[in-house]
C-alpha cells in the first residue's frame, strides 16, 4: 500500500503531498485540480486521499484500495 495523499492549501494555490514527505508532489491553481491529481496517485498506489480545508483541518477522506471497512453485499 502506498502513502496517503494529502491535498493542502499553499500561498499560491493548492498542493498534493504524500504522507511523511518533506516536499510537495505537485502544485495546482485550484483545490479541484489538486484533488484530481491526488486521486490519480491514490488510485495508482491503492492508498487514501485526505482533503484539508483552507485552515488545514480535515475535510474529507476517500479510500482507493485496501479499505479497512469494506462494504457488505
PDB file of N, CA and C in Angstrom:
ATOM      1  N   UNK A   1       0.842  -1.173   0.000  1.00  0.00           N
ATOM      2  CA  UNK A   1       0.000   0.000   0.000  1.00  0.00           C
ATOM      3  C   UNK A   1       0.895   1.247   0.000  1.00  0.00           C
ATOM      4  N   UNK A   2       0.496   2.255  -0.784  1.00  0.00           N
ATOM      5  CA  UNK A   2       1.276   3.476  -0.906  1.00  0.00           C
ATOM      6  C   UNK A   2       0.972   4.472   0.198  1.00  0.00           C
ATOM      7  N   UNK A   3       1.602   5.611   0.093  1.00  0.00           N
ATOM      8  CA  UNK A   3       1.400   6.675   1.075  1.00  0.00           C
ATOM      9  C   UNK A   3       0.070   7.383   0.821  1.00  0.00           C
ATOM     10  N   UNK A   4      -0.596   7.765   1.895  1.00  0.00           N
ATOM     11  CA  UNK A   4      -1.798   8.572   1.762  1.00  0.00           C
ATOM     12  C   UNK A   4      -1.429   9.901   1.113  1.00  0.00           C
ATOM     13  N   UNK A   5      -2.319  10.407   0.269  1.00  0.00           N
ATOM     14  CA  UNK A   5      -2.095  11.657  -0.446  1.00  0.00           C
ATOM     15  C   UNK A   5      -2.937  12.757   0.180  1.00  0.00           C
ATOM     16  N   UNK A   6      -2.294  13.847   0.566  1.00  0.00           N
ATOM     17  CA  UNK A   6      -2.979  14.955   1.223  1.00  0.00           C
ATOM     18  C   UNK A   6      -3.075  16.141   0.273  1.00  0.00           C
ATOM     19  N   UNK A   7      -4.262  16.757   0.226  1.00  0.00           N
ATOM     20  CA  UNK A   7      -4.471  17.997  -0.527  1.00  0.00           C
ATOM     21  C   UNK A   7      -4.498  19.124   0.488  1.00  0.00           C
ATOM     22  N   UNK A   8      -3.549  20.044   0.353  1.00  0.00           N
ATOM     23  CA  UNK A   8      -3.397  21.128   1.327  1.00  0.00           C
ATOM     24  C   UNK A   8      -3.243  22.473   0.614  1.00  0.00           C
ATOM     25  N   UNK A   9      -3.675  23.544   1.279  1.00  0.00           N
ATOM     26  CA  UNK A   9      -3.561  24.873   0.682  1.00  0.00           C
ATOM     27  C   UNK A   9      -2.160  25.424   0.855  1.00  0.00           C
ATOM     28  N   UNK A  10      -1.719  26.153  -0.154  1.00  0.00           N
ATOM     29  CA  UNK A  10      -0.437  26.847  -0.132  1.00  0.00           C
ATOM     30  C   UNK A  10      -0.692  28.320  -0.450  1.00  0.00           C
ATOM     31  N   UNK A  11       0.318  29.159  -0.330  1.00  0.00           N
ATOM     32  CA  UNK A  11       0.170  30.591  -0.599  1.00  0.00           C
ATOM     33  C   UNK A  11      -0.400  30.860  -1.984  1.00  0.00           C
ATOM     34  N   UNK A  12       0.061  30.128  -2.960  1.00  0.00           N
ATOM     35  CA  UNK A  12      -0.354  30.366  -4.339  1.00  0.00           C
ATOM     36  C   UNK A  12      -1.160  29.197  -4.897  1.00  0.00           C
ATOM     37  N   UNK A  13      -2.125  28.696  -4.154  1.00  0.00           N
ATOM     38  CA  UNK A  13      -2.970  27.625  -4.662  1.00  0.00           C
ATOM     39  C   UNK A  13      -3.034  26.432  -3.726  1.00  0.00           C
ATOM     40  N   UNK A  14      -3.010  25.260  -4.327  1.00  0.00           N
ATOM     41  CA  UNK A  14      -3.155  24.010  -3.586  1.00  0.00           C
ATOM     42  C   UNK A  14      -2.059  23.032  -3.969  1.00  0.00           C
ATOM     43  N   UNK A  15      -1.726  22.129  -3.056  1.00  0.00           N
ATOM     44  CA  UNK A  15      -0.659  21.165  -3.304  1.00  0.00           C
ATOM     45  C   UNK A  15      -1.102  19.757  -2.930  1.00  0.00           C
ATOM     46  N   UNK A  16      -0.425  18.792  -3.535  1.00  0.00           N
ATOM     47  CA  UNK A  16      -0.568  17.380  -3.189  1.00  0.00           C
ATOM     48  C   UNK A  16       0.727  16.983  -2.504  1.00  0.00           C
ATOM     49  N   UNK A  17       0.603  16.320  -1.356  1.00  0.00           N
ATOM     50  CA  UNK A  17       1.792  15.876  -0.627  1.00  0.00           C
ATOM     51  C   UNK A  17       1.550  14.478  -0.085  1.00  0.00           C
ATOM     52  N   UNK A  18       2.471  13.571  -0.347  1.00  0.00           N
ATOM     53  CA  UNK A  18       2.397  12.231   0.205  1.00  0.00           C
ATOM     54  C   UNK A  18       2.686  12.267   1.691  1.00  0.00           C
ATOM     55  N   UNK A  19       1.982  11.457   2.454  1.00  0.00           N
ATOM     56  CA  UNK A  19       2.160  11.409   3.910  1.00  0.00           C
ATOM     57  C   UNK A  19       3.626  11.143   4.244  1.00  0.00           C
ATOM     58  N   UNK A  20       4.176  11.987   5.112  1.00  0.00           N
ATOM     59  CA  UNK A  20       5.549  11.825   5.556  1.00  0.00           C
ATOM     60  C   UNK A  20       6.587  12.435   4.636  1.00  0.00           C
ATOM     61  N   UNK A  21       6.185  12.928   3.472  1.00  0.00           N
ATOM     62  CA  UNK A  21       7.140  13.548   2.554  1.00  0.00           C
ATOM     63  C   UNK A  21       7.513  14.941   3.042  1.00  0.00           C
ATOM     64  N   UNK A  22       8.744  15.343   2.769  1.00  0.00           N
ATOM     65  CA  UNK A  22       9.197  16.677   3.151  1.00  0.00           C
ATOM     66  C   UNK A  22       8.823  17.725   2.108  1.00  0.00           C
ATOM     67  N   UNK A  23       8.585  17.277   0.868  1.00  0.00           N
ATOM     68  CA  UNK A  23       8.274  18.198  -0.221  1.00  0.00           C
ATOM     69  C   UNK A  23       6.930  17.834  -0.857  1.00  0.00           C
ATOM     70  N   UNK A  24       6.281  18.850  -1.437  1.00  0.00           N
ATOM     71  CA  UNK A  24       5.033  18.615  -2.148  1.00  0.00           C
ATOM     72  C   UNK A  24       5.310  17.822  -3.422  1.00  0.00           C
ATOM     73  N   UNK A  25       4.345  17.000  -3.790  1.00  0.00           N
ATOM     74  CA  UNK A  25       4.441  16.226  -5.025  1.00  0.00           C
ATOM     75  C   UNK A  25       4.121  17.100  -6.227  1.00  0.00           C
ATOM     76  N   UNK A  26       3.081  17.945  -6.097  1.00  0.00           N
ATOM     77  CA  UNK A  26       2.686  18.829  -7.193  1.00  0.00           C
ATOM     78  C   UNK A  26       1.914  20.023  -6.658  1.00  0.00           C
ATOM     79  N   UNK A  27       1.838  21.084  -7.492  1.00  0.00           N
ATOM     80  CA  UNK A  27       1.113  22.301  -7.134  1.00  0.00           C
ATOM     81  C   UNK A  27       0.048  22.577  -8.187  1.00  0.00           C
ATOM     82  N   UNK A  28      -1.095  23.157  -7.746  1.00  0.00           N
ATOM     83  CA  UNK A  28      -2.232  23.375  -8.628  1.00  0.00           C
ATOM     84  C   UNK A  28      -2.911  24.695  -8.286  1.00  0.00           C
ATOM     85  N   UNK A  29      -3.534  25.334  -9.288  1.00  0.00           N
ATOM     86  CA  UNK A  29      -4.181  26.627  -9.038  1.00  0.00           C
ATOM     87  C   UNK A  29      -5.477  26.519  -8.235  1.00  0.00           C
ATOM     88  N   UNK A  30      -6.142  25.367  -8.301  1.00  0.00           N
ATOM     89  CA  UNK A  30      -7.408  25.180  -7.584  1.00  0.00           C
ATOM     90  C   UNK A  30      -7.383  23.911  -6.752  1.00  0.00           C
ATOM     91  N   UNK A  31      -8.254  23.875  -5.747  1.00  0.00           N
ATOM     92  CA  UNK A  31      -8.366  22.667  -4.930  1.00  0.00           C
ATOM     93  C   UNK A  31      -8.879  21.507  -5.772  1.00  0.00           C
ATOM     94  N   UNK A  32      -9.807  21.784  -6.684  1.00  0.00           N
ATOM     95  CA  UNK A  32     -10.358  20.715  -7.535  1.00  0.00           C
ATOM     96  C   UNK A  32      -9.271  20.057  -8.375  1.00  0.00           C
ATOM     97  N   UNK A  33      -8.366  20.852  -8.930  1.00  0.00           N
ATOM     98  CA  UNK A  33      -7.262  20.303  -9.723  1.00  0.00           C
ATOM     99  C   UNK A  33      -6.331  19.466  -8.852  1.00  0.00           C
ATOM    100  N   UNK A  34      -6.066  19.928  -7.649  1.00  0.00           N
ATOM    101  CA  UNK A  34      -5.213  19.173  -6.729  1.00  0.00           C
ATOM    102  C   UNK A  34      -5.872  17.861  -6.328  1.00  0.00           C
ATOM    103  N   UNK A  35      -7.184  17.889  -6.094  1.00  0.00           N
ATOM    104  CA  UNK A  35      -7.915  16.667  -5.735  1.00  0.00           C
ATOM    105  C   UNK A  35      -7.844  15.661  -6.874  1.00  0.00           C
ATOM    106  N   UNK A  36      -8.023  16.111  -8.109  1.00  0.00           N
ATOM    107  CA  UNK A  36      -7.944  15.204  -9.263  1.00  0.00           C
ATOM    108  C   UNK A  36      -6.573  14.537  -9.348  1.00  0.00           C
ATOM    109  N   UNK A  37      -5.515  15.327  -9.169  1.00  0.00           N
ATOM    110  CA  UNK A  37      -4.156  14.778  -9.231  1.00  0.00           C
ATOM    111  C   UNK A  37      -3.905  13.799  -8.087  1.00  0.00           C
ATOM    112  N   UNK A  38      -4.330  14.168  -6.884  1.00  0.00           N
ATOM    113  CA  UNK A  38      -4.128  13.301  -5.718  1.00  0.00           C
ATOM    114  C   UNK A  38      -4.935  12.011  -5.850  1.00  0.00           C
ATOM    115  N   UNK A  39      -6.138  12.104  -6.417  1.00  0.00           N
ATOM    116  CA  UNK A  39      -6.978  10.916  -6.612  1.00  0.00           C
ATOM    117  C   UNK A  39      -6.289   9.926  -7.544  1.00  0.00           C
ATOM    118  N   UNK A  40      -5.689  10.431  -8.624  1.00  0.00           N
ATOM    119  CA  UNK A  40      -4.968   9.550  -9.554  1.00  0.00           C
ATOM    120  C   UNK A  40      -3.826   8.830  -8.850  1.00  0.00           C
ATOM    121  N   UNK A  41      -3.065   9.557  -8.036  1.00  0.00           N
ATOM    122  CA  UNK A  41      -1.953   8.950  -7.306  1.00  0.00           C
ATOM    123  C   UNK A  41      -2.473   7.926  -6.302  1.00  0.00           C
ATOM    124  N   UNK A  42      -3.518   8.289  -5.554  1.00  0.00           N
ATOM    125  CA  UNK A  42      -4.075   7.379  -4.552  1.00  0.00           C
ATOM    126  C   UNK A  42      -4.601   6.094  -5.197  1.00  0.00           C
ATOM    127  N   UNK A  43      -5.259   6.225  -6.333  1.00  0.00           N
ATOM    128  CA  UNK A  43      -5.755   5.023  -7.041  1.00  0.00           C
ATOM    129  C   UNK A  43      -4.592   4.150  -7.480  1.00  0.00           C
ATOM    130  N   UNK A  44      -3.554   4.770  -8.035  1.00  0.00           N
ATOM    131  CA  UNK A  44      -2.388   4.042  -8.513  1.00  0.00           C
ATOM    132  C   UNK A  44      -1.676   3.329  -7.366  1.00  0.00           C
ATOM    133  N   UNK A  45      -1.593   3.974  -6.213  1.00  0.00           N
ATOM    134  CA  UNK A  45      -0.882   3.402  -5.066  1.00  0.00           C
ATOM    135  C   UNK A  45      -1.795   2.623  -4.123  1.00  0.00           C
ATOM    136  N   UNK A  46      -3.091   2.585  -4.431  1.00  0.00           N
ATOM    137  CA  UNK A  46      -4.085   1.934  -3.576  1.00  0.00           C
ATOM    138  C   UNK A  46      -3.983   2.462  -2.142  1.00  0.00           C
ATOM    139  N   UNK A  47      -4.052   3.776  -2.035  1.00  0.00           N
ATOM    140  CA  UNK A  47      -3.948   4.426  -0.731  1.00  0.00           C
ATOM    141  C   UNK A  47      -5.159   5.321  -0.511  1.00  0.00           C
ATOM    142  N   UNK A  48      -5.063   6.245   0.423  1.00  0.00           N
ATOM    143  CA  UNK A  48      -6.187   7.130   0.724  1.00  0.00           C
ATOM    144  C   UNK A  48      -5.890   8.554   0.280  1.00  0.00           C
ATOM    145  N   UNK A  49      -6.959   9.255  -0.056  1.00  0.00           N
ATOM    146  CA  UNK A  49      -6.908  10.670  -0.387  1.00  0.00           C
ATOM    147  C   UNK A  49      -7.481  11.425   0.793  1.00  0.00           C
ATOM    148  N   UNK A  50      -6.707  12.342   1.351  1.00  0.00           N
ATOM    149  CA  UNK A  50      -7.129  13.129   2.505  1.00  0.00           C
ATOM    150  C   UNK A  50      -7.180  14.592   2.069  1.00  0.00           C
ATOM    151  N   UNK A  51      -8.365  15.207   2.166  1.00  0.00           N
ATOM    152  CA  UNK A  51      -8.559  16.582   1.731  1.00  0.00           C
ATOM    153  C   UNK A  51      -8.667  17.492   2.951  1.00  0.00           C
ATOM    154  N   UNK A  52      -7.883  18.560   2.941  1.00  0.00           N
ATOM    155  CA  UNK A  52      -7.891  19.541   4.024  1.00  0.00           C
ATOM    156  C   UNK A  52      -8.563  20.825   3.538  1.00  0.00           C
ATOM    157  N   UNK A  53      -9.187  21.564   4.463  1.00  0.00           N
ATOM    158  CA  UNK A  53      -9.815  22.833   4.091  1.00  0.00           C
ATOM    159  C   UNK A  53      -8.776  23.955   4.134  1.00  0.00           C
ATOM    160  N   UNK A  54      -9.220  25.195   3.922  1.00  0.00           N
ATOM    161  CA  UNK A  54      -8.306  26.345   3.866  1.00  0.00           C
ATOM    162  C   UNK A  54      -7.535  26.564   5.159  1.00  0.00           C
ATOM    163  N   UNK A  55      -8.099  26.139   6.288  1.00  0.00           N
ATOM    164  CA  UNK A  55      -7.418  26.287   7.578  1.00  0.00           C
ATOM    165  C   UNK A  55      -6.528  25.095   7.908  1.00  0.00           C
ATOM    166  N   UNK A  56      -6.483  24.112   7.018  1.00  0.00           N
ATOM    167  CA  UNK A  56      -5.654  22.938   7.240  1.00  0.00           C
ATOM    168  C   UNK A  56      -6.345  21.821   7.993  1.00  0.00           C
ATOM    169  N   UNK A  57      -7.621  22.017   8.326  1.00  0.00           N
ATOM    170  CA  UNK A  57      -8.373  20.988   9.050  1.00  0.00           C
ATOM    171  C   UNK A  57      -8.892  19.929   8.086  1.00  0.00           C
ATOM    172  N   UNK A  58      -9.038  18.735   8.602  1.00  0.00           N
ATOM    173  CA  UNK A  58      -9.565  17.613   7.836  1.00  0.00           C
ATOM    174  C   UNK A  58     -10.947  17.956   7.284  1.00  0.00           C
ATOM    175  N   UNK A  59     -11.155  17.736   5.982  1.00  0.00           N
ATOM    176  CA  UNK A  59     -12.439  17.997   5.361  1.00  0.00           C
ATOM    177  C   UNK A  59     -13.111  16.719   4.867  1.00  0.00           C
ATOM    178  N   UNK A  60     -12.331  15.852   4.221  1.00  0.00           N
ATOM    179  CA  UNK A  60     -12.903  14.642   3.627  1.00  0.00           C
ATOM    180  C   UNK A  60     -11.801  13.619   3.415  1.00  0.00           C
ATOM    181  N   UNK A  61     -12.213  12.365   3.262  1.00  0.00           N
ATOM    182  CA  UNK A  61     -11.261  11.272   3.035  1.00  0.00           C
ATOM    183  C   UNK A  61     -11.908  10.244   2.119  1.00  0.00           C
ATOM    184  N   UNK A  62     -11.123   9.736   1.169  1.00  0.00           N
ATOM    185  CA  UNK A  62     -11.592   8.689   0.273  1.00  0.00           C
ATOM    186  C   UNK A  62     -10.540   7.593   0.203  1.00  0.00           C
ATOM    187  N   UNK A  63     -10.991   6.357   0.206  1.00  0.00           N
ATOM    188  CA  UNK A  63     -10.084   5.219   0.157  1.00  0.00           C
ATOM    189  C   UNK A  63     -10.107   4.608  -1.245  1.00  0.00           C
ATOM    190  N   UNK A  64      -8.925   4.321  -1.773  1.00  0.00           N
ATOM    191  CA  UNK A  64      -8.795   3.723  -3.102  1.00  0.00           C
ATOM    192  C   UNK A  64      -7.987   2.427  -3.013  1.00  0.00           C
ATOM    193  N   UNK A  65      -8.533   1.464  -2.306  1.00  0.00           N
ATOM    194  CA  UNK A  65      -7.883   0.168  -2.168  1.00  0.00           C
ATOM    195  C   UNK A  65      -7.525  -0.121  -0.734  1.00  0.00           C
ATOM    196  N   UNK A  66      -7.552  -1.390  -0.394  1.00  0.00           N
ATOM    197  CA  UNK A  66      -7.227  -1.843   0.945  1.00  0.00           C
ATOM    198  C   UNK A  66      -8.054  -1.114   2.005  1.00  0.00           C
ATOM    199  N   UNK A  67      -9.334  -0.939   1.711  1.00  0.00           N
ATOM    200  CA  UNK A  67     -10.236  -0.262   2.628  1.00  0.00           C
ATOM    201  C   UNK A  67     -10.367  -1.071   3.911  1.00  0.00           C
ATOM    202  N   UNK A  68     -10.098  -0.455   5.080  1.00  0.00           N
ATOM    203  CA  UNK A  68     -10.186  -1.200   6.334  1.00  0.00           C
ATOM    204  C   UNK A  68     -11.633  -1.545   6.711  1.00  0.00           C
ATOM    205  N   UNK A  69     -12.606  -0.906   6.074  1.00  0.00           N
ATOM    206  CA  UNK A  69     -14.011  -1.160   6.367  1.00  0.00           C
ATOM    207  C   UNK A  69     -14.779  -1.462   5.086  1.00  0.00           C
ATOM    208  N   UNK A  70     -14.541  -2.634   4.461  1.00  0.00           N
ATOM    209  CA  UNK A  70     -15.232  -2.936   3.203  1.00  0.00           C
ATOM    210  C   UNK A  70     -16.743  -3.046   3.418  1.00  0.00           C
ATOM    211  N   UNK A  71     -17.470  -2.617   2.389  1.00  0.00           N
ATOM    212  CA  UNK A  71     -18.926  -2.718   2.466  1.00  0.00           C
ATOM    213  C   UNK A  71     -19.374  -4.157   2.247  1.00  0.00           C
ATOM    214  N   UNK A  72     -20.502  -4.515   2.845  1.00  0.00           N
ATOM    215  CA  UNK A  72     -21.029  -5.863   2.677  1.00  0.00           C
ATOM    216  C   UNK A  72     -22.020  -5.867   1.515  1.00  0.00           C
ATOM    217  N   UNK A  73     -22.044  -7.000   0.810  1.00  0.00           N
ATOM    218  CA  UNK A  73     -23.061  -7.167  -0.228  1.00  0.00           C
ATOM    219  C   UNK A  73     -22.617  -6.945  -1.542  1.00  0.00           C
TER     220      UNK A  73
END
